[in-house]
N, C-alpha and C. Protein backbone atom coordinates (compact mmCIF):
# COMPACT_ATOMS: atom_id res chain seq x y z
N UNK A 1 -17.74 -0.98 8.69
CA UNK A 1 -17.76 -2.14 9.57
C UNK A 1 -16.61 -1.88 10.77
N UNK A 2 -16.95 -1.77 11.82
CA UNK A 2 -15.99 -1.59 13.10
C UNK A 2 -15.18 -2.81 13.40
N UNK A 3 -14.07 -2.67 13.76
CA UNK A 3 -13.29 -3.74 14.06
C UNK A 3 -12.19 -3.38 14.92
N UNK A 4 -11.71 -4.13 15.93
CA UNK A 4 -10.84 -3.90 16.91
C UNK A 4 -9.49 -3.99 16.16
N UNK A 5 -8.59 -3.24 16.73
CA UNK A 5 -7.24 -3.45 15.95
C UNK A 5 -6.58 -4.85 16.13
N UNK A 6 -7.06 -5.35 17.35
CA UNK A 6 -6.37 -7.01 17.47
C UNK A 6 -6.93 -7.73 16.31
N UNK A 7 -8.43 -7.58 16.10
CA UNK A 7 -8.98 -8.43 15.15
C UNK A 7 -8.46 -8.04 13.52
N UNK A 8 -8.40 -6.56 13.40
CA UNK A 8 -7.89 -6.06 11.99
C UNK A 8 -6.51 -6.95 11.94
N UNK A 9 -5.65 -6.72 13.00
CA UNK A 9 -4.37 -7.29 12.78
C UNK A 9 -4.24 -8.68 12.36
N UNK A 10 -4.94 -9.50 13.16
CA UNK A 10 -5.26 -10.94 12.92
C UNK A 10 -5.36 -11.12 11.43
N UNK A 11 -6.41 -10.42 11.13
CA UNK A 11 -7.11 -10.64 9.62
C UNK A 11 -6.34 -10.11 8.63
N UNK A 12 -5.64 -8.85 8.85
CA UNK A 12 -5.11 -8.26 7.60
C UNK A 12 -3.67 -8.38 7.40
N UNK A 13 -3.07 -8.55 8.50
CA UNK A 13 -1.47 -8.63 8.47
C UNK A 13 -0.94 -9.87 8.22
N UNK A 14 -1.66 -10.71 7.39
CA UNK A 14 -1.20 -12.15 6.88
C UNK A 14 -0.45 -11.61 5.66
N UNK A 15 0.70 -12.25 5.25
CA UNK A 15 1.62 -11.96 3.97
C UNK A 15 0.64 -12.25 2.71
N UNK A 16 0.08 -13.32 2.55
CA UNK A 16 -0.68 -13.55 1.44
C UNK A 16 -2.15 -12.61 1.43
N UNK A 17 -2.82 -12.39 2.35
CA UNK A 17 -3.82 -11.29 2.47
C UNK A 17 -3.40 -9.84 2.24
N UNK A 18 -2.25 -9.50 2.60
CA UNK A 18 -1.71 -8.33 2.21
C UNK A 18 -1.59 -8.03 0.69
N UNK A 19 -0.89 -9.24 0.15
CA UNK A 19 -1.00 -9.16 -1.33
C UNK A 19 -2.25 -8.97 -2.01
N UNK A 20 -3.39 -9.75 -1.49
CA UNK A 20 -4.63 -9.97 -2.24
C UNK A 20 -5.26 -8.48 -2.15
N UNK A 21 -5.15 -7.89 -0.78
CA UNK A 21 -5.71 -6.51 -0.71
C UNK A 21 -5.04 -5.42 -1.47
N UNK A 22 -3.83 -5.74 -1.61
CA UNK A 22 -2.99 -4.51 -2.61
C UNK A 22 -3.38 -4.86 -3.89
N UNK A 23 -3.56 -6.14 -4.45
CA UNK A 23 -3.80 -6.22 -5.63
C UNK A 23 -5.20 -5.53 -6.14
N UNK A 24 -6.26 -5.87 -5.18
CA UNK A 24 -7.56 -5.29 -5.41
C UNK A 24 -7.49 -3.81 -5.21
N UNK A 25 -6.90 -3.41 -4.50
CA UNK A 25 -6.87 -1.69 -4.18
C UNK A 25 -6.88 -0.93 -5.54
N UNK A 26 -8.17 -0.18 -5.69
CA UNK A 26 -8.25 0.51 -6.90
C UNK A 26 -8.95 -0.17 -8.16
N UNK A 27 -9.34 -1.58 -7.97
CA UNK A 27 -9.50 -2.34 -9.04
C UNK A 27 -10.81 -3.22 -8.69
N UNK A 28 -11.42 -3.65 -9.63
CA UNK A 28 -12.19 -4.76 -9.58
C UNK A 28 -11.89 -5.94 -10.17
N UNK A 29 -11.52 -7.00 -9.47
CA UNK A 29 -10.81 -8.23 -10.03
C UNK A 29 -11.58 -9.26 -9.66
N UNK A 30 -11.65 -10.36 -10.75
CA UNK A 30 -12.21 -11.53 -10.46
C UNK A 30 -11.26 -12.51 -9.71
N UNK A 31 -11.89 -13.71 -9.52
CA UNK A 31 -10.84 -14.71 -8.96
C UNK A 31 -9.88 -15.25 -10.09
N UNK A 32 -10.36 -15.19 -11.36
CA UNK A 32 -9.33 -15.56 -12.36
C UNK A 32 -8.42 -14.49 -12.39
N UNK A 33 -8.64 -13.23 -12.33
CA UNK A 33 -7.82 -12.17 -12.52
C UNK A 33 -6.68 -12.31 -11.32
N UNK A 34 -7.24 -12.47 -9.90
CA UNK A 34 -6.35 -12.88 -9.05
C UNK A 34 -5.29 -14.07 -9.07
N UNK A 35 -5.84 -14.79 -9.59
CA UNK A 35 -4.94 -16.22 -9.98
C UNK A 35 -3.80 -15.81 -10.79
N UNK A 36 -4.18 -14.89 -11.89
CA UNK A 36 -3.01 -14.67 -12.73
C UNK A 36 -2.22 -13.75 -12.42
N UNK A 37 -2.58 -12.55 -11.47
CA UNK A 37 -1.74 -11.46 -10.89
C UNK A 37 -1.08 -12.19 -9.59
N UNK A 38 -1.15 -13.43 -9.02
CA UNK A 38 -0.56 -13.97 -7.83
C UNK A 38 -0.51 -15.32 -8.18
N UNK A 39 0.31 -15.75 -9.41
CA UNK A 39 0.53 -17.23 -9.80
C UNK A 39 1.47 -18.00 -8.69
N UNK A 40 2.08 -17.34 -7.87
CA UNK A 40 2.86 -18.15 -6.97
C UNK A 40 2.07 -18.70 -5.56
N UNK A 41 0.89 -18.04 -5.50
CA UNK A 41 0.09 -18.46 -4.69
C UNK A 41 -0.95 -19.84 -4.96
N UNK A 42 -0.91 -20.93 -4.34
CA UNK A 42 -1.62 -22.09 -4.79
C UNK A 42 -3.15 -21.60 -4.86
N UNK A 43 -4.02 -21.85 -5.66
CA UNK A 43 -5.43 -21.73 -5.80
C UNK A 43 -6.08 -21.89 -4.69
N UNK A 44 -6.10 -23.04 -4.13
CA UNK A 44 -6.60 -23.53 -2.94
C UNK A 44 -6.45 -22.51 -1.78
N UNK A 45 -5.08 -22.06 -1.47
CA UNK A 45 -4.73 -20.99 -0.52
C UNK A 45 -5.22 -19.74 -0.83
N UNK A 46 -5.38 -19.30 -2.06
CA UNK A 46 -5.93 -18.10 -2.60
C UNK A 46 -7.31 -17.93 -2.26
N UNK A 47 -8.13 -19.10 -2.55
CA UNK A 47 -9.48 -19.03 -2.41
C UNK A 47 -9.94 -19.05 -0.82
N UNK A 48 -9.11 -19.49 -0.08
CA UNK A 48 -9.17 -19.95 1.44
C UNK A 48 -9.13 -18.24 2.02
N UNK A 49 -8.15 -17.41 1.67
CA UNK A 49 -7.79 -16.31 2.26
C UNK A 49 -8.70 -15.35 1.41
N UNK A 50 -9.39 -15.49 0.43
CA UNK A 50 -10.27 -14.47 -0.35
C UNK A 50 -11.64 -14.89 0.59
N UNK A 51 -12.09 -15.98 0.89
CA UNK A 51 -13.28 -16.34 1.90
C UNK A 51 -12.96 -15.59 3.10
N UNK A 52 -12.03 -15.82 3.74
CA UNK A 52 -11.64 -14.98 5.18
C UNK A 52 -11.78 -13.57 4.99
N UNK A 53 -11.23 -12.80 4.06
CA UNK A 53 -11.31 -11.41 3.92
C UNK A 53 -12.68 -11.06 3.56
N UNK A 54 -13.39 -11.73 2.87
CA UNK A 54 -14.77 -11.42 2.42
C UNK A 54 -15.85 -11.69 3.75
N UNK A 55 -15.66 -12.70 4.49
CA UNK A 55 -16.34 -12.87 5.63
C UNK A 55 -16.16 -11.85 6.70
N UNK A 56 -14.69 -11.25 6.79
CA UNK A 56 -14.34 -10.26 7.71
C UNK A 56 -14.78 -9.02 7.27
N UNK A 57 -15.23 -8.75 6.14
CA UNK A 57 -15.54 -7.29 5.66
C UNK A 57 -14.46 -6.53 5.23
N UNK A 58 -13.45 -7.15 5.16
CA UNK A 58 -11.95 -6.45 4.47
C UNK A 58 -12.23 -6.36 2.95
N UNK A 59 -13.03 -7.39 2.35
CA UNK A 59 -13.18 -7.49 0.90
C UNK A 59 -14.63 -7.52 0.57
N UNK A 60 -15.01 -7.15 -0.48
CA UNK A 60 -16.45 -7.02 -0.94
C UNK A 60 -16.65 -8.03 -2.37
N UNK A 61 -17.76 -8.62 -2.33
CA UNK A 61 -18.10 -9.25 -3.65
C UNK A 61 -19.18 -8.50 -4.30
N UNK A 62 -18.72 -7.67 -5.43
CA UNK A 62 -19.58 -6.79 -5.83
C UNK A 62 -20.29 -7.18 -7.00
N UNK A 63 -20.15 -8.36 -7.47
CA UNK A 63 -20.60 -9.11 -8.93
C UNK A 63 -20.49 -10.63 -8.83
N UNK A 64 -21.24 -11.14 -9.40
CA UNK A 64 -21.03 -12.78 -9.67
C UNK A 64 -21.32 -12.84 -11.22
N UNK A 65 -20.37 -13.29 -11.80
CA UNK A 65 -20.52 -13.56 -13.50
C UNK A 65 -20.44 -14.98 -13.61
N UNK A 66 -21.32 -15.37 -14.81
CA UNK A 66 -20.95 -16.72 -15.30
C UNK A 66 -19.76 -16.94 -15.89
N UNK A 67 -19.10 -17.95 -15.72
CA UNK A 67 -18.02 -18.27 -16.55
C UNK A 67 -17.79 -19.61 -16.73
N UNK A 68 -17.75 -20.04 -17.81
CA UNK A 68 -17.66 -21.62 -18.18
C UNK A 68 -18.35 -22.38 -17.51
N UNK A 69 -19.82 -22.06 -17.28
CA UNK A 69 -20.73 -22.60 -16.45
C UNK A 69 -20.68 -22.71 -14.87
N UNK A 70 -19.65 -21.93 -14.47
CA UNK A 70 -19.43 -21.71 -13.11
C UNK A 70 -19.65 -20.13 -12.64
N UNK A 71 -20.02 -19.84 -11.57
CA UNK A 71 -20.07 -18.44 -11.20
C UNK A 71 -18.89 -18.00 -10.51
N UNK A 72 -18.34 -16.81 -11.10
CA UNK A 72 -17.06 -16.21 -10.76
C UNK A 72 -17.57 -14.86 -10.05
N UNK A 73 -16.59 -14.87 -9.06
CA UNK A 73 -16.95 -13.35 -8.09
C UNK A 73 -16.07 -12.27 -8.53
N UNK A 74 -16.63 -11.18 -8.37
CA UNK A 74 -15.60 -9.90 -8.73
C UNK A 74 -15.56 -9.38 -7.41
N UNK A 75 -14.26 -8.84 -6.99
CA UNK A 75 -13.91 -8.27 -5.72
C UNK A 75 -13.48 -6.99 -5.84
N UNK A 76 -13.88 -6.24 -4.65
CA UNK A 76 -13.25 -4.70 -4.48
C UNK A 76 -13.25 -4.40 -3.25
N UNK A 77 -12.40 -3.54 -3.01
CA UNK A 77 -12.21 -3.01 -1.32
C UNK A 77 -13.62 -2.38 -0.97
N UNK A 78 -14.03 -2.33 0.28
CA UNK A 78 -15.28 -1.80 0.62
C UNK A 78 -15.14 -0.23 0.58
N UNK A 79 -16.22 0.52 0.98
CA UNK A 79 -16.03 1.98 0.78
C UNK A 79 -15.20 2.42 1.64
N UNK A 80 -15.16 1.77 2.96
CA UNK A 80 -14.23 2.45 3.97
C UNK A 80 -12.83 1.79 3.82
N UNK A 81 -12.50 0.97 2.88
CA UNK A 81 -11.26 0.57 2.59
C UNK A 81 -11.07 -0.50 3.41
N UNK A 82 -9.64 -0.89 3.67
CA UNK A 82 -9.12 -2.09 4.23
C UNK A 82 -8.18 -1.63 5.45
N UNK A 83 -8.56 -0.51 6.07
CA UNK A 83 -7.47 0.13 7.04
C UNK A 83 -8.35 0.06 8.38
N UNK A 84 -7.43 0.47 9.40
CA UNK A 84 -8.21 0.73 10.69
C UNK A 84 -8.97 1.83 10.97
N UNK A 85 -10.08 2.00 11.47
CA UNK A 85 -10.95 2.93 11.77
C UNK A 85 -10.33 3.96 12.66
N UNK A 86 -10.51 5.38 12.45
CA UNK A 86 -9.77 6.33 13.29
C UNK A 86 -9.84 6.03 14.69
N UNK A 87 -10.69 5.51 15.01
CA UNK A 87 -10.87 5.27 16.57
C UNK A 87 -9.69 4.12 17.14
N UNK A 88 -9.68 3.31 16.43
CA UNK A 88 -8.79 1.75 16.73
C UNK A 88 -7.23 2.28 16.19
N UNK A 89 -7.10 3.24 15.27
CA UNK A 89 -5.91 3.64 14.95
C UNK A 89 -5.41 4.72 16.25
N UNK A 90 -6.36 5.37 16.70
CA UNK A 90 -5.85 6.58 17.70
C UNK A 90 -5.46 5.59 19.19
N UNK A 91 -6.05 4.54 19.28
CA UNK A 91 -6.00 3.76 20.46
C UNK A 91 -5.03 2.84 20.43
N UNK A 92 -4.38 2.60 19.19
CA UNK A 92 -3.32 1.69 18.88
C UNK A 92 -1.82 1.87 19.95
N UNK A 93 -1.42 0.81 20.49
CA UNK A 93 -0.20 1.14 21.25
C UNK A 93 1.10 1.24 20.36
N UNK A 94 2.16 1.84 20.91
CA UNK A 94 3.44 1.69 20.18
C UNK A 94 3.66 0.27 19.59
N UNK A 95 3.41 -0.77 20.36
CA UNK A 95 3.63 -2.14 19.90
C UNK A 95 2.67 -2.39 18.89
N UNK A 96 1.57 -2.14 18.88
CA UNK A 96 0.62 -2.40 17.80
C UNK A 96 1.28 -1.67 16.38
N UNK A 97 1.59 -0.27 16.54
CA UNK A 97 2.06 0.30 15.39
C UNK A 97 3.43 -0.31 14.83
N UNK A 98 4.16 -1.06 15.96
CA UNK A 98 5.50 -1.55 15.45
C UNK A 98 5.03 -2.98 14.59
N UNK A 99 3.88 -3.55 15.14
CA UNK A 99 3.60 -4.84 14.33
C UNK A 99 2.99 -4.29 12.96
N UNK A 100 2.19 -3.26 12.78
CA UNK A 100 1.56 -2.73 11.64
C UNK A 100 2.71 -2.24 10.63
N UNK A 101 3.75 -1.67 11.35
CA UNK A 101 4.79 -0.98 10.31
C UNK A 101 5.72 -2.13 9.84
N UNK A 102 5.96 -3.12 10.58
CA UNK A 102 6.73 -4.26 10.14
C UNK A 102 6.03 -5.06 8.94
N UNK A 103 4.70 -5.31 9.17
CA UNK A 103 4.09 -5.97 8.06
C UNK A 103 4.15 -5.10 6.97
N UNK A 104 3.87 -3.84 7.07
CA UNK A 104 4.13 -2.85 5.96
C UNK A 104 5.34 -2.98 5.15
N UNK A 105 6.51 -2.84 6.03
CA UNK A 105 7.74 -3.29 5.21
C UNK A 105 8.21 -4.39 4.75
N UNK A 106 7.71 -5.44 5.39
CA UNK A 106 7.64 -6.83 4.84
C UNK A 106 7.00 -7.06 3.57
N UNK A 107 5.81 -6.37 3.34
CA UNK A 107 5.16 -6.38 2.21
C UNK A 107 5.81 -5.56 1.00
N UNK A 108 6.51 -4.55 1.46
CA UNK A 108 7.49 -3.78 0.39
C UNK A 108 8.42 -4.62 0.03
N UNK A 109 9.21 -5.37 1.03
CA UNK A 109 10.28 -6.16 0.71
C UNK A 109 9.91 -7.29 -0.30
N UNK A 110 8.92 -7.74 -0.05
CA UNK A 110 8.52 -9.09 -0.65
C UNK A 110 8.17 -8.33 -2.06
N UNK A 111 7.47 -7.26 -2.35
CA UNK A 111 7.21 -6.94 -3.65
C UNK A 111 8.43 -6.62 -4.38
N UNK A 112 9.43 -5.69 -3.81
CA UNK A 112 10.61 -5.40 -4.44
C UNK A 112 11.49 -6.78 -4.67
N UNK A 113 11.41 -7.69 -4.02
CA UNK A 113 12.20 -8.97 -4.35
C UNK A 113 11.41 -9.70 -5.53
N UNK A 114 10.24 -9.74 -5.62
CA UNK A 114 9.52 -10.28 -6.55
C UNK A 114 9.90 -9.46 -7.97
N UNK A 115 10.10 -8.14 -7.97
CA UNK A 115 10.37 -7.39 -8.95
C UNK A 115 11.83 -7.62 -9.64
N UNK A 116 12.76 -7.80 -8.36
CA UNK A 116 14.14 -8.04 -8.93
C UNK A 116 14.23 -9.56 -9.34
N UNK A 117 13.28 -10.50 -9.21
CA UNK A 117 13.35 -11.82 -9.66
C UNK A 117 12.90 -11.86 -11.26
N UNK A 118 12.49 -10.73 -11.85
CA UNK A 118 11.91 -10.88 -13.18
C UNK A 118 13.06 -11.30 -14.14
N UNK A 119 12.79 -11.80 -15.22
CA UNK A 119 13.75 -12.09 -16.23
C UNK A 119 14.62 -10.76 -16.74
N UNK A 120 13.80 -9.80 -16.63
CA UNK A 120 14.51 -8.48 -17.27
C UNK A 120 14.02 -7.30 -16.50
N UNK A 121 14.96 -6.46 -15.70
CA UNK A 121 14.62 -5.26 -14.87
C UNK A 121 15.18 -4.14 -15.75
N UNK A 122 14.56 -2.98 -15.66
CA UNK A 122 15.18 -1.81 -16.09
C UNK A 122 14.52 -0.63 -15.32
N UNK A 123 15.19 -0.20 -14.31
CA UNK A 123 14.87 0.90 -13.34
C UNK A 123 14.13 2.07 -13.93
N UNK A 124 14.89 2.56 -14.99
CA UNK A 124 14.44 3.80 -15.71
C UNK A 124 13.06 3.61 -16.58
N UNK A 125 13.25 2.30 -17.50
CA UNK A 125 11.98 2.05 -18.11
C UNK A 125 10.73 1.58 -17.28
N UNK A 126 10.98 0.98 -16.21
CA UNK A 126 10.07 0.48 -15.38
C UNK A 126 9.56 1.35 -14.51
N UNK A 127 10.03 2.67 -14.40
CA UNK A 127 9.63 3.69 -13.57
C UNK A 127 9.70 3.24 -12.04
N UNK A 128 10.92 2.65 -11.71
CA UNK A 128 11.03 2.07 -10.37
C UNK A 128 12.19 3.13 -9.62
N UNK A 129 11.72 3.48 -8.33
CA UNK A 129 12.67 4.35 -7.55
C UNK A 129 12.40 4.11 -6.16
N UNK A 130 13.31 4.50 -5.23
CA UNK A 130 13.02 4.57 -3.90
C UNK A 130 13.78 5.92 -3.38
N UNK A 131 13.23 6.67 -2.46
CA UNK A 131 13.95 8.00 -2.18
C UNK A 131 13.66 8.13 -0.67
N UNK A 132 14.62 8.97 -0.20
CA UNK A 132 14.30 9.59 1.25
C UNK A 132 14.62 11.16 1.17
N UNK A 133 13.82 11.92 1.55
CA UNK A 133 13.91 13.34 1.54
C UNK A 133 13.59 13.79 2.97
N UNK A 134 14.21 14.84 3.45
CA UNK A 134 13.76 15.44 4.75
C UNK A 134 13.16 16.61 4.43
N UNK A 135 11.85 16.93 4.69
CA UNK A 135 11.27 18.37 4.28
C UNK A 135 11.20 18.99 5.71
N UNK A 136 11.40 20.32 5.52
CA UNK A 136 11.25 21.19 6.71
C UNK A 136 9.79 21.99 6.69
N UNK A 137 8.91 21.68 7.34
CA UNK A 137 7.44 22.01 7.19
C UNK A 137 6.81 22.48 8.49
N UNK A 138 6.06 23.72 8.45
CA UNK A 138 5.35 23.88 9.50
C UNK A 138 3.94 23.07 9.48
N UNK A 139 3.27 23.17 10.39
CA UNK A 139 2.16 22.16 10.48
C UNK A 139 1.06 22.64 9.25
N UNK A 140 1.01 23.93 9.00
CA UNK A 140 0.17 24.38 7.87
C UNK A 140 0.55 23.92 6.70
N UNK A 141 1.98 23.97 6.45
CA UNK A 141 2.62 23.50 5.29
C UNK A 141 2.52 21.92 5.23
N UNK A 142 2.61 21.31 6.25
CA UNK A 142 2.40 19.98 6.23
C UNK A 142 0.79 19.44 5.62
N UNK A 143 0.11 20.44 6.20
CA UNK A 143 -1.34 20.23 5.78
C UNK A 143 -1.57 20.36 4.37
N UNK A 144 -1.00 21.48 3.81
CA UNK A 144 -1.15 21.82 2.36
C UNK A 144 -0.53 20.81 1.56
N UNK A 145 0.69 20.31 1.92
CA UNK A 145 1.41 19.25 1.15
C UNK A 145 0.51 17.98 1.12
N UNK A 146 -0.28 17.45 2.16
CA UNK A 146 -1.11 16.52 2.16
C UNK A 146 -2.40 16.39 1.24
N UNK A 147 -2.85 17.99 1.32
CA UNK A 147 -3.99 18.17 0.64
C UNK A 147 -3.64 18.02 -0.99
N UNK A 148 -2.51 18.55 -1.34
CA UNK A 148 -2.07 18.53 -2.71
C UNK A 148 -1.84 17.19 -3.33
N UNK A 149 -1.15 16.53 -2.27
CA UNK A 149 -0.90 15.20 -2.83
C UNK A 149 -2.21 14.25 -3.05
N UNK A 150 -3.12 14.61 -2.08
CA UNK A 150 -4.38 13.80 -2.24
C UNK A 150 -5.06 14.13 -3.53
N UNK A 151 -4.99 15.60 -3.83
CA UNK A 151 -5.64 16.08 -5.18
C UNK A 151 -5.02 15.42 -6.10
N UNK A 152 -3.79 15.32 -6.17
CA UNK A 152 -2.96 14.82 -7.35
C UNK A 152 -3.29 13.27 -7.40
N UNK A 153 -3.40 12.57 -6.51
CA UNK A 153 -3.54 11.03 -6.55
C UNK A 153 -4.80 10.52 -6.61
N UNK A 154 -5.87 11.27 -6.03
CA UNK A 154 -7.10 10.90 -6.06
C UNK A 154 -7.68 10.46 -7.48
N UNK A 155 -7.57 11.28 -8.45
CA UNK A 155 -8.20 10.93 -9.70
C UNK A 155 -7.65 9.60 -10.18
N UNK A 156 -6.31 9.36 -10.10
CA UNK A 156 -5.53 8.27 -10.33
C UNK A 156 -5.99 6.98 -9.78
N UNK A 157 -6.43 6.99 -8.54
CA UNK A 157 -7.04 5.86 -8.03
C UNK A 157 -8.35 5.37 -8.53
N UNK A 158 -9.01 6.16 -9.19
CA UNK A 158 -10.18 5.74 -10.03
C UNK A 158 -9.90 5.22 -11.33
N UNK A 159 -8.57 5.10 -11.68
CA UNK A 159 -8.40 4.43 -12.83
C UNK A 159 -8.74 2.96 -13.03
N UNK A 160 -9.33 2.63 -14.05
CA UNK A 160 -9.77 1.04 -14.17
C UNK A 160 -8.47 0.45 -14.81
N UNK A 161 -8.33 -1.05 -14.67
CA UNK A 161 -7.23 -1.80 -15.09
C UNK A 161 -7.46 -1.94 -16.78
N UNK A 162 -6.49 -2.09 -17.40
CA UNK A 162 -6.55 -2.19 -18.95
C UNK A 162 -6.19 -0.95 -19.71
N UNK A 163 -6.14 -1.02 -20.93
CA UNK A 163 -6.04 0.30 -21.73
C UNK A 163 -4.49 0.60 -21.70
N UNK A 164 -3.80 -0.32 -21.44
CA UNK A 164 -2.22 -0.25 -21.49
C UNK A 164 -1.73 0.17 -20.17
N UNK A 165 -2.61 0.18 -18.90
CA UNK A 165 -2.06 0.51 -17.61
C UNK A 165 -1.47 -0.35 -16.93
N UNK A 166 -0.34 -0.21 -16.41
CA UNK A 166 0.38 -1.35 -15.50
C UNK A 166 0.23 -0.77 -14.11
N UNK A 167 -0.12 -1.90 -13.15
CA UNK A 167 -0.24 -1.47 -11.91
C UNK A 167 1.10 -1.15 -11.19
N UNK A 168 1.00 -0.03 -10.56
CA UNK A 168 2.25 0.46 -10.00
C UNK A 168 2.06 0.68 -8.46
N UNK A 169 2.87 0.13 -7.63
CA UNK A 169 2.84 0.35 -6.30
C UNK A 169 3.44 1.58 -5.82
N UNK A 170 2.69 2.43 -5.27
CA UNK A 170 3.39 3.58 -4.54
C UNK A 170 3.05 3.59 -2.91
N UNK A 171 4.16 3.51 -2.12
CA UNK A 171 4.09 3.59 -0.91
C UNK A 171 4.59 4.83 -0.21
N UNK A 172 3.97 5.19 0.76
CA UNK A 172 4.47 6.44 1.37
C UNK A 172 4.62 6.27 2.95
N UNK A 173 5.62 6.99 3.45
CA UNK A 173 5.81 7.02 4.84
C UNK A 173 6.34 8.49 5.06
N UNK A 174 5.46 8.96 6.09
CA UNK A 174 5.73 10.38 6.50
C UNK A 174 5.89 10.44 8.06
N UNK A 175 6.87 10.86 8.71
CA UNK A 175 7.02 10.84 10.08
C UNK A 175 7.97 11.96 10.35
N UNK A 176 7.90 12.63 11.74
CA UNK A 176 8.88 13.40 11.96
C UNK A 176 10.25 13.00 12.54
N UNK A 177 11.38 13.69 12.00
CA UNK A 177 12.57 13.17 12.29
C UNK A 177 13.12 13.94 13.57
N UNK A 178 14.31 13.50 14.03
CA UNK A 178 15.02 14.27 15.03
C UNK A 178 15.61 15.54 14.55
N UNK A 179 15.50 16.51 15.28
CA UNK A 179 16.19 17.80 14.71
C UNK A 179 17.57 17.57 14.68
N UNK A 180 18.20 17.88 13.58
CA UNK A 180 19.75 17.85 13.56
C UNK A 180 20.73 18.84 14.45
N UNK A 181 21.60 18.38 15.08
CA UNK A 181 22.44 19.25 15.96
C UNK A 181 23.03 20.24 15.26
N UNK A 182 23.20 21.70 15.57
CA UNK A 182 23.78 22.63 15.02
C UNK A 182 25.21 22.47 15.38
N UNK A 183 25.83 22.78 14.02
CA UNK A 183 27.37 22.64 14.14
C UNK A 183 28.14 23.91 14.25
N UNK A 184 27.28 24.90 14.39
CA UNK A 184 27.88 26.30 14.48
C UNK A 184 26.80 27.28 14.76
N UNK A 185 27.21 28.61 14.65
CA UNK A 185 26.30 29.55 14.70
C UNK A 185 25.56 29.86 13.47
N UNK A 186 26.33 29.42 12.24
CA UNK A 186 25.62 29.57 10.93
C UNK A 186 25.56 28.34 10.30
N UNK A 187 24.83 27.31 10.45
CA UNK A 187 24.86 25.92 9.78
C UNK A 187 24.48 26.07 8.23
N UNK A 188 24.93 25.42 7.58
CA UNK A 188 24.65 25.24 6.29
C UNK A 188 23.30 25.30 5.73
N UNK A 189 22.60 25.83 4.84
CA UNK A 189 21.25 25.66 4.55
C UNK A 189 21.08 24.38 3.78
N UNK A 190 19.99 23.86 3.83
CA UNK A 190 19.58 22.54 3.25
C UNK A 190 20.03 22.84 1.85
N UNK A 191 20.32 21.37 1.25
CA UNK A 191 20.78 21.35 -0.25
C UNK A 191 19.57 21.53 -1.15
N UNK A 192 19.65 21.41 -2.47
CA UNK A 192 18.51 21.51 -3.37
C UNK A 192 17.53 20.58 -3.20
N UNK A 193 17.70 19.48 -2.59
CA UNK A 193 16.53 18.39 -2.39
C UNK A 193 15.70 18.97 -1.25
N UNK A 194 16.07 19.96 -0.56
CA UNK A 194 15.18 20.38 0.57
C UNK A 194 15.33 19.81 1.78
N UNK A 195 16.48 18.90 1.96
CA UNK A 195 16.46 18.14 3.19
C UNK A 195 17.92 18.15 3.56
N UNK A 196 18.22 17.68 4.89
CA UNK A 196 19.52 17.20 5.26
C UNK A 196 20.20 16.05 4.74
N UNK A 197 19.46 15.24 4.16
CA UNK A 197 19.76 13.97 3.83
C UNK A 197 18.77 13.32 2.83
N UNK A 198 19.55 12.75 1.85
CA UNK A 198 18.48 12.11 0.67
C UNK A 198 19.32 10.56 0.24
N UNK A 199 18.56 9.74 0.19
CA UNK A 199 19.01 8.37 -0.28
C UNK A 199 17.90 7.81 -1.29
N UNK A 200 18.63 7.76 -2.27
CA UNK A 200 17.77 7.22 -3.51
C UNK A 200 18.41 5.91 -4.42
N UNK A 201 17.34 5.47 -5.10
CA UNK A 201 17.92 4.56 -6.19
C UNK A 201 16.83 4.35 -7.32
N UNK A 202 17.24 4.35 -8.51
CA UNK A 202 16.38 4.32 -9.53
C UNK A 202 16.15 5.62 -10.12
């Protein structure tokens, strides 16, 4: 389904809709599942945003089940995902990208603060971490890195919920940085992290 970047931003970059799309990513969830996964969202609000996402084509109803005398829908992301198509992304302005990235970061902050609000948190046991690394890569090495990462993650995206699996959010940001200024004729080589700087937690 083709959609202009303006329409996509209007529909997808709502805080509640971001959470719904993230919850459904890689899964098939019923309305009841979503109510349990997003307990802080009033049900009427959740139903309204689900209807908007389905109507816009950002979410598919893949099945309808009978549940206690009522029909319950099963939702999944469409085959093309819930992202901008290539042409809309290519024509997005810097201001558009600033809006998209702000929404992305706002969603991450929201998820992180929800995690911190749990009765018990344990970064090591929960597998929580945040890291910054600078990688020095040629274009060919970057392409190989992206292909290897897709090969690693692709099969995991097909995992179904259940069997002891915990939904875990993996967010990636990849962008070029400014070249560091040389401090002498023989600058120090990168450290063991492979970058000139690293920030991490967990």
